[in-house]
Amino acid sequence: MEIKTIARKWGNSMAVIIPKEAVERKRIRENEEIVISIQKRTLAGDLFGKFPRKSGKTGQEIKDEIRKGW
């Protein structure tokens, strides 16, 4: 089950709220130990420069090619 939620400041810690539907579906009870997997959403800017270019062209050359048809 995947849940998207927002981390919020709670004192000196961070907290997340588990939606009621997820609590009911997984039958989570108060004080019950659960395991949470944390994955930060990747932003497009974080991917810049991560993939090698196969064409060998510069970024400016690629932009110029794209703009030719405009």
PDB file of N, CA and C in Angstrom:
ATOM      1  N   MET A   1       0.850  -1.176   0.000  1.00  0.00           N
ATOM      2  CA  MET A   1       0.000   0.000   0.000  1.00  0.00           C
ATOM      3  C   MET A   1       0.893   1.235   0.000  1.00  0.00           C
ATOM      4  N   GLU A   2       0.590   2.166  -0.854  1.00  0.00           N
ATOM      5  CA  GLU A   2       1.361   3.406  -0.923  1.00  0.00           C
ATOM      6  C   GLU A   2       0.483   4.576  -0.495  1.00  0.00           C
ATOM      7  N   ILE A   3       1.024   5.410   0.380  1.00  0.00           N
ATOM      8  CA  ILE A   3       0.306   6.581   0.872  1.00  0.00           C
ATOM      9  C   ILE A   3       1.188   7.793   0.642  1.00  0.00           C
ATOM     10  N   LYS A   4       0.616   8.856   0.116  1.00  0.00           N
ATOM     11  CA  LYS A   4       1.353  10.108  -0.029  1.00  0.00           C
ATOM     12  C   LYS A   4       0.848  11.071   1.034  1.00  0.00           C
ATOM     13  N   THR A   5       1.777  11.621   1.804  1.00  0.00           N
ATOM     14  CA  THR A   5       1.430  12.545   2.869  1.00  0.00           C
ATOM     15  C   THR A   5       2.542  13.573   3.010  1.00  0.00           C
ATOM     16  N   ILE A   6       2.360  14.546   3.851  1.00  0.00           N
ATOM     17  CA  ILE A   6       3.330  15.622   4.027  1.00  0.00           C
ATOM     18  C   ILE A   6       3.895  15.563   5.442  1.00  0.00           C
ATOM     19  N   ALA A   7       5.211  15.652   5.539  1.00  0.00           N
ATOM     20  CA  ALA A   7       5.861  15.687   6.853  1.00  0.00           C
ATOM     21  C   ALA A   7       5.670  17.078   7.459  1.00  0.00           C
ATOM     22  N   ARG A   8       5.334  17.117   8.728  1.00  0.00           N
ATOM     23  CA  ARG A   8       5.107  18.382   9.430  1.00  0.00           C
ATOM     24  C   ARG A   8       5.955  18.434  10.699  1.00  0.00           C
ATOM     25  N   LYS A   9       6.330  19.628  11.080  1.00  0.00           N
ATOM     26  CA  LYS A   9       7.118  19.839  12.293  1.00  0.00           C
ATOM     27  C   LYS A   9       6.242  19.565  13.509  1.00  0.00           C
ATOM     28  N   TRP A  10       6.783  18.817  14.474  1.00  0.00           N
ATOM     29  CA  TRP A  10       6.085  18.512  15.710  1.00  0.00           C
ATOM     30  C   TRP A  10       7.128  18.596  16.814  1.00  0.00           C
ATOM     31  N   GLY A  11       7.214  19.748  17.464  1.00  0.00           N
ATOM     32  CA  GLY A  11       8.269  19.995  18.437  1.00  0.00           C
ATOM     33  C   GLY A  11       9.606  20.042  17.714  1.00  0.00           C
ATOM     34  N   ASN A  12      10.560  19.215  18.140  1.00  0.00           N
ATOM     35  CA  ASN A  12      11.856  19.121  17.472  1.00  0.00           C
ATOM     36  C   ASN A  12      11.894  17.977  16.468  1.00  0.00           C
ATOM     37  N   SER A  13      10.778  17.328  16.235  1.00  0.00           N
ATOM     38  CA  SER A  13      10.710  16.163  15.351  1.00  0.00           C
ATOM     39  C   SER A  13       9.862  16.472  14.127  1.00  0.00           C
ATOM     40  N   MET A  14       9.753  15.488  13.242  1.00  0.00           N
ATOM     41  CA  MET A  14       8.859  15.556  12.092  1.00  0.00           C
ATOM     42  C   MET A  14       7.803  14.472  12.276  1.00  0.00           C
ATOM     43  N   ALA A  15       6.597  14.750  11.821  1.00  0.00           N
ATOM     44  CA  ALA A  15       5.506  13.790  11.981  1.00  0.00           C
ATOM     45  C   ALA A  15       4.715  13.680  10.687  1.00  0.00           C
ATOM     46  N   VAL A  16       4.087  12.536  10.481  1.00  0.00           N
ATOM     47  CA  VAL A  16       3.175  12.338   9.363  1.00  0.00           C
ATOM     48  C   VAL A  16       1.860  11.808   9.923  1.00  0.00           C
ATOM     49  N   ILE A  17       0.792  12.094   9.219  1.00  0.00           N
ATOM     50  CA  ILE A  17      -0.520  11.604   9.616  1.00  0.00           C
ATOM     51  C   ILE A  17      -0.899  10.484   8.658  1.00  0.00           C
ATOM     52  N   ILE A  18      -1.288   9.358   9.221  1.00  0.00           N
ATOM     53  CA  ILE A  18      -1.737   8.236   8.398  1.00  0.00           C
ATOM     54  C   ILE A  18      -3.238   8.406   8.181  1.00  0.00           C
ATOM     55  N   PRO A  19      -3.684   8.472   6.928  1.00  0.00           N
ATOM     56  CA  PRO A  19      -5.111   8.671   6.660  1.00  0.00           C
ATOM     57  C   PRO A  19      -5.982   7.552   7.249  1.00  0.00           C
ATOM     58  N   LYS A  20      -7.180   7.937   7.639  1.00  0.00           N
ATOM     59  CA  LYS A  20      -8.125   7.015   8.272  1.00  0.00           C
ATOM     60  C   LYS A  20      -8.354   5.761   7.423  1.00  0.00           C
ATOM     61  N   GLU A  21      -8.456   5.937   6.102  1.00  0.00           N
ATOM     62  CA  GLU A  21      -8.717   4.806   5.211  1.00  0.00           C
ATOM     63  C   GLU A  21      -7.584   3.776   5.310  1.00  0.00           C
ATOM     64  N   ALA A  22      -6.339   4.250   5.399  1.00  0.00           N
ATOM     65  CA  ALA A  22      -5.193   3.348   5.505  1.00  0.00           C
ATOM     66  C   ALA A  22      -5.184   2.648   6.857  1.00  0.00           C
ATOM     67  N   VAL A  23      -5.521   3.379   7.900  1.00  0.00           N
ATOM     68  CA  VAL A  23      -5.571   2.795   9.252  1.00  0.00           C
ATOM     69  C   VAL A  23      -6.605   1.675   9.289  1.00  0.00           C
ATOM     70  N   GLU A  24      -7.772   1.923   8.725  1.00  0.00           N
ATOM     71  CA  GLU A  24      -8.827   0.910   8.719  1.00  0.00           C
ATOM     72  C   GLU A  24      -8.458  -0.275   7.839  1.00  0.00           C
ATOM     73  N   ARG A  25      -7.884   0.017   6.686  1.00  0.00           N
ATOM     74  CA  ARG A  25      -7.539  -1.048   5.739  1.00  0.00           C
ATOM     75  C   ARG A  25      -6.474  -1.992   6.307  1.00  0.00           C
ATOM     76  N   LYS A  26      -5.481  -1.423   6.995  1.00  0.00           N
ATOM     77  CA  LYS A  26      -4.397  -2.230   7.571  1.00  0.00           C
ATOM     78  C   LYS A  26      -4.661  -2.615   9.026  1.00  0.00           C
ATOM     79  N   ARG A  27      -5.804  -2.175   9.548  1.00  0.00           N
ATOM     80  CA  ARG A  27      -6.214  -2.486  10.924  1.00  0.00           C
ATOM     81  C   ARG A  27      -5.135  -2.093  11.934  1.00  0.00           C
ATOM     82  N   ILE A  28      -4.648  -0.878  11.811  1.00  0.00           N
ATOM     83  CA  ILE A  28      -3.626  -0.362  12.717  1.00  0.00           C
ATOM     84  C   ILE A  28      -4.307   0.076  14.010  1.00  0.00           C
ATOM     85  N   ARG A  29      -3.739  -0.341  15.135  1.00  0.00           N
ATOM     86  CA  ARG A  29      -4.270   0.016  16.446  1.00  0.00           C
ATOM     87  C   ARG A  29      -3.294   0.932  17.172  1.00  0.00           C
ATOM     88  N   GLU A  30      -3.802   1.690  18.113  1.00  0.00           N
ATOM     89  CA  GLU A  30      -2.964   2.580  18.914  1.00  0.00           C
ATOM     90  C   GLU A  30      -1.882   1.775  19.643  1.00  0.00           C
ATOM     91  N   ASN A  31      -0.671   2.331  19.689  1.00  0.00           N
ATOM     92  CA  ASN A  31       0.502   1.733  20.328  1.00  0.00           C
ATOM     93  C   ASN A  31       1.001   0.468  19.630  1.00  0.00           C
ATOM     94  N   GLU A  32       0.481   0.182  18.449  1.00  0.00           N
ATOM     95  CA  GLU A  32       0.943  -0.974  17.698  1.00  0.00           C
ATOM     96  C   GLU A  32       2.190  -0.581  16.903  1.00  0.00           C
ATOM     97  N   GLU A  33       3.183  -1.447  16.880  1.00  0.00           N
ATOM     98  CA  GLU A  33       4.405  -1.157  16.136  1.00  0.00           C
ATOM     99  C   GLU A  33       4.159  -1.376  14.649  1.00  0.00           C
ATOM    100  N   ILE A  34       4.537  -0.381  13.837  1.00  0.00           N
ATOM    101  CA  ILE A  34       4.395  -0.484  12.384  1.00  0.00           C
ATOM    102  C   ILE A  34       5.734  -0.133  11.743  1.00  0.00           C
ATOM    103  N   VAL A  35       5.905  -0.502  10.488  1.00  0.00           N
ATOM    104  CA  VAL A  35       7.117  -0.197   9.737  1.00  0.00           C
ATOM    105  C   VAL A  35       6.745   0.769   8.627  1.00  0.00           C
ATOM    106  N   ILE A  36       7.506   1.859   8.520  1.00  0.00           N
ATOM    107  CA  ILE A  36       7.248   2.868   7.496  1.00  0.00           C
ATOM    108  C   ILE A  36       8.473   2.971   6.597  1.00  0.00           C
ATOM    109  N   SER A  37       8.260   2.893   5.302  1.00  0.00           N
ATOM    110  CA  SER A  37       9.334   3.064   4.320  1.00  0.00           C
ATOM    111  C   SER A  37       9.290   4.510   3.840  1.00  0.00           C
ATOM    112  N   ILE A  38      10.417   5.207   3.926  1.00  0.00           N
ATOM    113  CA  ILE A  38      10.454   6.617   3.562  1.00  0.00           C
ATOM    114  C   ILE A  38      11.179   6.803   2.236  1.00  0.00           C
ATOM    115  N   GLN A  39      10.535   7.480   1.287  1.00  0.00           N
ATOM    116  CA  GLN A  39      11.128   7.805   0.001  1.00  0.00           C
ATOM    117  C   GLN A  39      10.808   9.252  -0.301  1.00  0.00           C
ATOM    118  N   LYS A  40      11.834  10.018  -0.554  1.00  0.00           N
ATOM    119  CA  LYS A  40      11.635  11.425  -0.874  1.00  0.00           C
ATOM    120  C   LYS A  40      11.295  11.552  -2.354  1.00  0.00           C
ATOM    121  N   ARG A  41      10.333  12.389  -2.656  1.00  0.00           N
ATOM    122  CA  ARG A  41       9.929  12.609  -4.040  1.00  0.00           C
ATOM    123  C   ARG A  41      11.062  13.279  -4.800  1.00  0.00           C
ATOM    124  N   THR A  42      11.419  12.748  -5.956  1.00  0.00           N
ATOM    125  CA  THR A  42      12.479  13.303  -6.774  1.00  0.00           C
ATOM    126  C   THR A  42      11.949  14.486  -7.573  1.00  0.00           C
ATOM    127  N   LEU A  43      12.657  15.586  -7.507  1.00  0.00           N
ATOM    128  CA  LEU A  43      12.288  16.758  -8.285  1.00  0.00           C
ATOM    129  C   LEU A  43      13.066  16.747  -9.594  1.00  0.00           C
ATOM    130  N   ALA A  44      12.507  17.340 -10.637  1.00  0.00           N
ATOM    131  CA  ALA A  44      13.152  17.345 -11.950  1.00  0.00           C
ATOM    132  C   ALA A  44      14.553  17.945 -11.872  1.00  0.00           C
ATOM    133  N   GLY A  45      14.740  18.971 -11.079  1.00  0.00           N
ATOM    134  CA  GLY A  45      16.045  19.615 -10.957  1.00  0.00           C
ATOM    135  C   GLY A  45      17.099  18.702 -10.353  1.00  0.00           C
ATOM    136  N   ASP A  46      16.663  17.728  -9.546  1.00  0.00           N
ATOM    137  CA  ASP A  46      17.598  16.775  -8.944  1.00  0.00           C
ATOM    138  C   ASP A  46      18.159  15.808  -9.980  1.00  0.00           C
ATOM    139  N   LEU A  47      17.467  15.654 -11.110  1.00  0.00           N
ATOM    140  CA  LEU A  47      17.900  14.723 -12.141  1.00  0.00           C
ATOM    141  C   LEU A  47      18.851  15.361 -13.151  1.00  0.00           C
ATOM    142  N   PHE A  48      18.988  16.683 -13.118  1.00  0.00           N
ATOM    143  CA  PHE A  48      19.812  17.380 -14.102  1.00  0.00           C
ATOM    144  C   PHE A  48      21.243  16.852 -14.074  1.00  0.00           C
ATOM    145  N   GLY A  49      21.733  16.429 -15.233  1.00  0.00           N
ATOM    146  CA  GLY A  49      23.099  15.952 -15.366  1.00  0.00           C
ATOM    147  C   GLY A  49      23.314  14.508 -14.935  1.00  0.00           C
ATOM    148  N   LYS A  50      22.262  13.792 -14.568  1.00  0.00           N
ATOM    149  CA  LYS A  50      22.406  12.414 -14.099  1.00  0.00           C
ATOM    150  C   LYS A  50      22.490  11.402 -15.238  1.00  0.00           C
ATOM    151  N   PHE A  51      21.948  11.753 -16.413  1.00  0.00           N
ATOM    152  CA  PHE A  51      21.903  10.813 -17.522  1.00  0.00           C
ATOM    153  C   PHE A  51      22.877  11.245 -18.611  1.00  0.00           C
ATOM    154  N   PRO A  52      23.709  10.320 -19.079  1.00  0.00           N
ATOM    155  CA  PRO A  52      24.674  10.691 -20.120  1.00  0.00           C
ATOM    156  C   PRO A  52      23.983  10.973 -21.454  1.00  0.00           C
ATOM    157  N   ARG A  53      24.539  11.902 -22.208  1.00  0.00           N
ATOM    158  CA  ARG A  53      23.990  12.220 -23.536  1.00  0.00           C
ATOM    159  C   ARG A  53      24.592  11.275 -24.558  1.00  0.00           C
ATOM    160  N   LYS A  54      23.750  10.686 -25.355  1.00  0.00           N
ATOM    161  CA  LYS A  54      24.223   9.779 -26.394  1.00  0.00           C
ATOM    162  C   LYS A  54      24.621  10.546 -27.646  1.00  0.00           C
ATOM    163  N   SER A  55      24.051  11.735 -27.822  1.00  0.00           N
ATOM    164  CA  SER A  55      24.293  12.482 -29.059  1.00  0.00           C
ATOM    165  C   SER A  55      25.612  13.247 -29.033  1.00  0.00           C
ATOM    166  N   GLY A  56      26.112  13.561 -27.854  1.00  0.00           N
ATOM    167  CA  GLY A  56      27.343  14.335 -27.770  1.00  0.00           C
ATOM    168  C   GLY A  56      27.127  15.821 -28.001  1.00  0.00           C
ATOM    169  N   LYS A  57      25.871  16.239 -28.155  1.00  0.00           N
ATOM    170  CA  LYS A  57      25.557  17.647 -28.381  1.00  0.00           C
ATOM    171  C   LYS A  57      25.472  18.381 -27.056  1.00  0.00           C
ATOM    172  N   THR A  58      25.743  19.672 -27.100  1.00  0.00           N
ATOM    173  CA  THR A  58      25.613  20.487 -25.899  1.00  0.00           C
ATOM    174  C   THR A  58      24.139  20.791 -25.661  1.00  0.00           C
ATOM    175  N   GLY A  59      23.836  21.260 -24.472  1.00  0.00           N
ATOM    176  CA  GLY A  59      22.465  21.639 -24.153  1.00  0.00           C
ATOM    177  C   GLY A  59      21.958  22.733 -25.079  1.00  0.00           C
ATOM    178  N   GLN A  60      22.818  23.690 -25.392  1.00  0.00           N
ATOM    179  CA  GLN A  60      22.417  24.783 -26.284  1.00  0.00           C
ATOM    180  C   GLN A  60      22.097  24.254 -27.678  1.00  0.00           C
ATOM    181  N   GLU A  61      22.883  23.305 -28.186  1.00  0.00           N
ATOM    182  CA  GLU A  61      22.627  22.732 -29.513  1.00  0.00           C
ATOM    183  C   GLU A  61      21.287  22.003 -29.545  1.00  0.00           C
ATOM    184  N   ILE A  62      20.976  21.311 -28.477  1.00  0.00           N
ATOM    185  CA  ILE A  62      19.689  20.606 -28.399  1.00  0.00           C
ATOM    186  C   ILE A  62      18.545  21.605 -28.381  1.00  0.00           C
ATOM    187  N   LYS A  63      18.671  22.678 -27.581  1.00  0.00           N
ATOM    188  CA  LYS A  63      17.624  23.711 -27.539  1.00  0.00           C
ATOM    189  C   LYS A  63      17.445  24.356 -28.908  1.00  0.00           C
ATOM    190  N   ASP A  64      18.542  24.633 -29.603  1.00  0.00           N
ATOM    191  CA  ASP A  64      18.458  25.248 -30.932  1.00  0.00           C
ATOM    192  C   ASP A  64      17.716  24.344 -31.910  1.00  0.00           C
ATOM    193  N   GLU A  65      17.965  23.034 -31.848  1.00  0.00           N
ATOM    194  CA  GLU A  65      17.271  22.086 -32.727  1.00  0.00           C
ATOM    195  C   GLU A  65      15.768  22.072 -32.440  1.00  0.00           C
ATOM    196  N   ILE A  66      15.418  22.116 -31.177  1.00  0.00           N
ATOM    197  CA  ILE A  66      14.000  22.087 -30.784  1.00  0.00           C
ATOM    198  C   ILE A  66      13.304  23.339 -31.286  1.00  0.00           C
ATOM    199  N   ARG A  67      13.961  24.460 -31.219  1.00  0.00           N
ATOM    200  CA  ARG A  67      13.363  25.740 -31.589  1.00  0.00           C
ATOM    201  C   ARG A  67      13.268  25.958 -33.095  1.00  0.00           C
ATOM    202  N   LYS A  68      13.930  25.148 -33.901  1.00  0.00           N
ATOM    203  CA  LYS A  68      13.926  25.331 -35.363  1.00  0.00           C
ATOM    204  C   LYS A  68      12.511  25.342 -35.937  1.00  0.00           C
ATOM    205  N   GLY A  69      11.655  24.483 -35.428  1.00  0.00           N
ATOM    206  CA  GLY A  69      10.306  24.373 -35.963  1.00  0.00           C
ATOM    207  C   GLY A  69       9.336  25.442 -35.514  1.00  0.00           C
ATOM    208  N   TRP A  70       9.757  26.347 -34.637  1.00  0.00           N
ATOM    209  CA  TRP A  70       8.834  27.332 -34.069  1.00  0.00           C
ATOM    210  C   TRP A  70       8.758  28.527 -34.937  1.00  0.00           C
TER     211      TRP A  70
END
